[in-house]
Amino acid sequence: MILSFLTHCLAAWFAFLLPVFGTYKALSHRPVSEPELERWSQYWAVIGVLVAYEYLFEFLVSWFPFYFEIKIIFILFLALPQTQGSTFIYQMYLQPFFSKNEVELDAGIMNIQRKTLSFAQARFATLWQALWSAINKNAATGQQAPPTPGQAPPAPGGGLSMESAMGLFRTYGPSLMGALQPAAAPPAGPSPTPSPLPSPAANIAATGSYYGTPAAEHRAPPFPEPQLLS
């Protein structure tokens, strides 16, 4: 465990931290030294290949005895300015390979990018269609079914129904409207016998019987006639 930690610290220091600072100095100092820029560019190209190898194939050989120690020695060979191993590997292997296969590599990269983009667009379109179908299905399910003939439309929850409201209006409406009428002069002849006020139970029963008829669905309920109090 301790040996693995030490090797990782050495790799981070020599392979990344020191080269990062060296690249910064080569870019910030004016005039820019082209040999230094070329050397660091070649170094990062070789390190990129090494990192790609670590991600793809290192698990196949990491069990080898003294693998990490050999890896540290190789990183020192690449990074130290005394050895300049990255320059040697770039000029001997990478540059000839890239120069020979540059056209094929460009075409392959473009083909992979095109196929990846087409695949992603097709899968996204399929996912969007499935999501849109699910949204429409839920919206259609949430809609209320139309009322059948002969059935009164349901009253909104949380309030009075139409039948209860009409019953209350028939019961207390005449008294309220009679109280709002101006006082009239007493008639000369004998006063007519006032008709008795309908009871609340009778009004509610009459309202319920009215709403039970099929014709009540298509026409408005009769407006109650006000009666004057004697």
Protein backbone atom coordinates (compact mmCIF):
# COMPACT_ATOMS: atom_id res chain seq x y z
CA MET A 1 0.00 0.00 0.00
CA ILE A 2 2.75 2.46 0.95
CA LEU A 3 4.81 1.51 -2.09
CA SER A 4 1.83 2.06 -4.39
CA PHE A 5 1.20 5.49 -2.82
CA LEU A 6 4.83 6.50 -3.30
CA THR A 7 4.85 5.42 -6.93
CA HIS A 8 1.68 7.40 -7.62
CA CYS A 9 3.19 10.50 -5.98
CA LEU A 10 6.37 10.20 -8.03
CA ALA A 11 4.37 9.70 -11.23
CA ALA A 12 2.22 12.75 -10.52
CA TRP A 13 5.27 14.90 -9.75
CA PHE A 14 7.51 13.96 -12.66
CA ALA A 15 4.93 13.14 -15.32
CA PHE A 16 2.46 16.01 -14.79
CA LEU A 17 3.35 18.73 -12.28
CA LEU A 18 6.88 19.52 -13.43
CA PRO A 19 5.99 19.33 -17.17
CA VAL A 20 2.99 21.61 -16.58
CA PHE A 21 5.24 24.23 -15.01
CA GLY A 22 7.83 23.82 -17.77
CA THR A 23 5.12 24.30 -20.42
CA TYR A 24 3.93 27.44 -18.64
CA LYS A 25 7.44 28.94 -18.68
CA ALA A 26 7.89 28.09 -22.36
CA LEU A 27 4.60 29.84 -23.24
CA SER A 28 4.93 32.89 -20.99
CA HIS A 29 8.50 33.98 -21.68
CA ARG A 30 9.06 36.33 -24.60
CA PRO A 31 10.45 35.79 -27.11
CA VAL A 32 8.99 32.30 -27.22
CA SER A 33 11.58 29.57 -27.57
CA GLU A 34 10.47 27.33 -30.43
CA PRO A 35 12.71 24.40 -29.44
CA GLU A 36 11.18 24.41 -25.94
CA LEU A 37 7.63 24.55 -27.34
CA GLU A 38 8.42 21.72 -29.73
CA ARG A 39 9.92 19.61 -26.95
CA TRP A 40 6.93 20.05 -24.64
CA SER A 41 4.47 19.43 -27.46
CA GLN A 42 6.20 16.16 -28.26
CA TYR A 43 6.21 15.26 -24.56
CA TRP A 44 2.45 15.79 -24.16
CA ALA A 45 1.78 13.77 -27.32
CA VAL A 46 3.68 10.81 -25.87
CA ILE A 47 2.00 11.22 -22.46
CA GLY A 48 -1.40 11.22 -24.20
CA VAL A 49 -0.61 7.84 -25.75
CA LEU A 50 0.56 6.55 -22.35
CA VAL A 51 -2.64 7.68 -20.60
CA ALA A 52 -4.77 6.08 -23.32
CA TYR A 53 -2.86 2.84 -22.82
CA GLU A 54 -3.47 3.02 -19.06
CA TYR A 55 -7.22 3.43 -19.54
CA LEU A 56 -7.54 0.63 -22.10
CA PHE A 57 -4.98 -2.06 -21.36
CA GLU A 58 -3.24 -1.50 -18.04
CA PHE A 59 -5.58 -3.88 -16.18
CA LEU A 60 -4.24 -6.70 -18.36
CA VAL A 61 -0.61 -6.29 -17.24
CA SER A 62 -0.86 -4.54 -13.87
CA TRP A 63 -0.53 -7.92 -12.11
CA PHE A 64 2.98 -8.32 -13.51
CA PRO A 65 5.65 -8.26 -10.74
CA PHE A 66 7.32 -4.86 -10.30
CA TYR A 67 5.02 -3.39 -12.92
CA PHE A 68 4.58 -0.03 -11.17
CA GLU A 69 8.29 0.27 -10.46
CA ILE A 70 9.06 -0.30 -14.14
CA LYS A 71 6.38 2.23 -15.02
CA ILE A 72 7.97 4.88 -12.78
CA ILE A 73 11.36 4.32 -14.43
CA PHE A 74 9.75 4.71 -17.85
CA ILE A 75 8.00 7.95 -16.81
CA LEU A 76 11.30 9.34 -15.54
CA PHE A 77 12.86 8.41 -18.86
CA LEU A 78 10.14 10.40 -20.65
CA ALA A 79 10.07 13.47 -18.40
CA LEU A 80 13.63 14.20 -17.31
CA PRO A 81 15.42 16.78 -19.49
CA GLN A 82 18.65 14.76 -19.19
CA THR A 83 17.16 11.79 -21.04
CA GLN A 84 14.40 13.42 -23.16
CA GLY A 85 12.84 10.05 -23.79
CA SER A 86 9.58 11.62 -25.00
CA THR A 87 11.42 13.34 -27.85
CA PHE A 88 13.09 10.10 -28.84
CA ILE A 89 9.81 8.10 -28.84
CA TYR A 90 7.96 10.81 -30.73
CA GLN A 91 10.55 11.14 -33.49
CA MET A 92 11.19 7.41 -33.81
CA TYR A 93 7.64 6.02 -33.59
CA LEU A 94 4.78 8.51 -33.35
CA GLN A 95 5.76 10.99 -36.07
CA PRO A 96 6.41 8.32 -38.76
CA PHE A 97 3.16 6.53 -37.89
CA PHE A 98 1.04 9.70 -38.00
CA SER A 99 2.70 10.93 -41.22
CA LYS A 100 2.03 7.63 -42.96
CA ASN A 101 -1.61 7.24 -41.84
CA GLU A 102 -2.76 10.85 -41.50
CA VAL A 103 -5.40 10.69 -44.27
CA GLU A 104 -6.84 7.37 -43.05
CA LEU A 105 -6.90 8.60 -39.46
CA ASP A 106 -8.75 11.79 -40.42
CA ALA A 107 -11.34 9.82 -42.42
CA GLY A 108 -11.80 7.29 -39.62
CA ILE A 109 -12.25 9.99 -36.99
CA MET A 110 -14.84 11.81 -39.12
CA ASN A 111 -16.69 8.54 -39.79
CA ILE A 112 -16.80 7.64 -36.10
CA GLN A 113 -18.04 11.11 -35.17
CA ARG A 114 -20.74 10.99 -37.86
CA LYS A 115 -21.98 7.54 -36.81
CA THR A 116 -21.96 8.48 -33.15
CA LEU A 117 -23.96 11.63 -33.82
CA SER A 118 -26.49 9.74 -35.99
CA PHE A 119 -26.89 7.04 -33.34
CA ALA A 120 -27.40 9.62 -30.58
CA GLN A 121 -29.96 11.54 -32.65
CA ALA A 122 -31.93 8.37 -33.47
CA ARG A 123 -32.02 7.24 -29.84
CA PHE A 124 -32.99 10.71 -28.66
CA ALA A 125 -35.83 10.86 -31.20
CA THR A 126 -37.10 7.44 -30.06
CA LEU A 127 -36.95 8.50 -26.42
CA TRP A 128 -38.77 11.74 -27.20
CA GLN A 129 -41.55 9.90 -29.06
CA ALA A 130 -42.03 7.50 -26.15
CA LEU A 131 -42.10 10.36 -23.65
CA TRP A 132 -44.59 12.34 -25.75
CA SER A 133 -46.86 9.30 -26.13
CA ALA A 134 -46.82 8.73 -22.37
CA ILE A 135 -47.71 12.38 -21.72
CA ASN A 136 -50.63 12.27 -24.17
CA LYS A 137 -51.87 8.99 -22.70
CA ASN A 138 -51.85 10.37 -19.17
CA ALA A 139 -53.64 13.53 -20.31
CA ALA A 140 -56.35 11.50 -22.06
CA THR A 141 -56.82 9.26 -19.02
CA GLY A 142 -57.15 12.25 -16.71
CA GLN A 143 -60.04 13.75 -18.67
CA GLN A 144 -63.54 13.09 -17.27
CA ALA A 145 -65.95 10.97 -19.28
CA PRO A 146 -68.99 12.87 -20.74
CA PRO A 147 -72.25 12.45 -18.76
CA THR A 148 -74.73 9.89 -20.03
CA PRO A 149 -78.24 11.02 -21.16
CA GLY A 150 -80.65 11.42 -18.26
CA GLN A 151 -77.87 12.05 -15.75
CA ALA A 152 -77.28 15.50 -14.31
CA PRO A 153 -73.72 16.84 -14.61
CA PRO A 154 -71.74 16.38 -11.39
CA ALA A 155 -71.54 19.37 -9.13
CA PRO A 156 -68.07 20.73 -8.34
CA GLY A 157 -66.63 19.32 -5.15
CA GLY A 158 -66.35 21.44 -2.08
CA GLY A 159 -69.52 23.58 -2.76
CA LEU A 160 -73.33 23.44 -2.71
CA SER A 161 -75.12 21.45 -5.39
CA MET A 162 -77.65 23.11 -7.70
CA GLU A 163 -80.54 21.28 -6.07
CA SER A 164 -79.60 22.46 -2.58
CA ALA A 165 -79.09 26.03 -3.77
CA MET A 166 -82.50 26.13 -5.51
CA GLY A 167 -84.17 24.65 -2.44
CA LEU A 168 -82.67 27.31 -0.20
CA PHE A 169 -83.66 30.05 -2.65
CA ARG A 170 -87.26 28.79 -2.83
CA THR A 171 -87.43 28.71 0.96
CA TYR A 172 -85.90 32.06 1.87
CA GLY A 173 -86.04 33.97 -1.41
CA PRO A 174 -89.67 35.20 -1.15
CA SER A 175 -89.13 36.50 2.36
CA LEU A 176 -85.99 38.35 1.34
CA MET A 177 -87.56 39.92 -1.75
CA GLY A 178 -90.70 40.82 0.16
CA ALA A 179 -88.64 42.66 2.73
CA LEU A 180 -87.01 44.69 -0.03
CA GLN A 181 -90.34 45.84 -1.54
CA PRO A 182 -91.52 49.39 -0.54
CA ALA A 183 -94.41 49.64 1.90
CA ALA A 184 -97.73 49.79 -0.02
CA ALA A 185 -100.96 51.58 0.97
CA PRO A 186 -103.61 49.36 2.60
CA PRO A 187 -106.12 48.16 0.01
CA ALA A 188 -109.70 49.56 0.05
CA GLY A 189 -111.42 46.25 -0.20
CA PRO A 190 -111.04 43.25 1.94
CA SER A 191 -107.54 41.92 1.85
CA PRO A 192 -107.15 38.68 -0.01
CA THR A 193 -106.32 35.66 1.96
CA PRO A 194 -102.55 35.20 1.66
CA SER A 195 -101.44 31.96 0.24
CA PRO A 196 -99.40 29.86 2.64
CA LEU A 197 -95.63 29.83 2.12
CA PRO A 198 -94.23 26.55 0.90
CA SER A 199 -92.29 24.58 3.46
CA PRO A 200 -88.54 23.95 2.96
CA ALA A 201 -89.09 20.20 2.67
CA ALA A 202 -91.65 20.70 -0.08
CA ASN A 203 -89.32 23.06 -1.96
CA ILE A 204 -86.41 20.64 -1.80
CA ALA A 205 -88.63 17.76 -2.88
CA ALA A 206 -89.98 19.81 -5.78
CA THR A 207 -86.49 20.79 -6.85
CA GLY A 208 -85.29 17.20 -6.69
CA SER A 209 -88.23 15.99 -8.75
CA TYR A 210 -87.56 18.69 -11.34
CA TYR A 211 -83.89 17.77 -11.75
CA GLY A 212 -84.79 14.12 -12.07
CA THR A 213 -86.60 14.77 -15.38
CA PRO A 214 -84.62 14.44 -18.63
CA ALA A 215 -85.84 17.80 -19.93
CA ALA A 216 -84.21 19.59 -17.01
CA GLU A 217 -80.81 18.98 -18.53
CA HIS A 218 -81.48 21.24 -21.51
CA ARG A 219 -83.45 24.15 -20.05
CA ALA A 220 -82.89 26.47 -17.10
CA PRO A 221 -84.84 25.88 -13.83
CA PRO A 222 -87.97 28.06 -13.26
CA PHE A 223 -87.29 31.27 -11.46
CA PRO A 224 -89.26 31.45 -8.14
CA GLU A 225 -92.00 34.06 -7.99
CA PRO A 226 -91.70 36.44 -5.02
CA GLN A 227 -94.64 36.66 -2.63
CA LEU A 228 -95.46 39.75 -0.59
CA LEU A 229 -95.80 39.35 3.11
CA SER A 230 -99.02 40.74 4.67
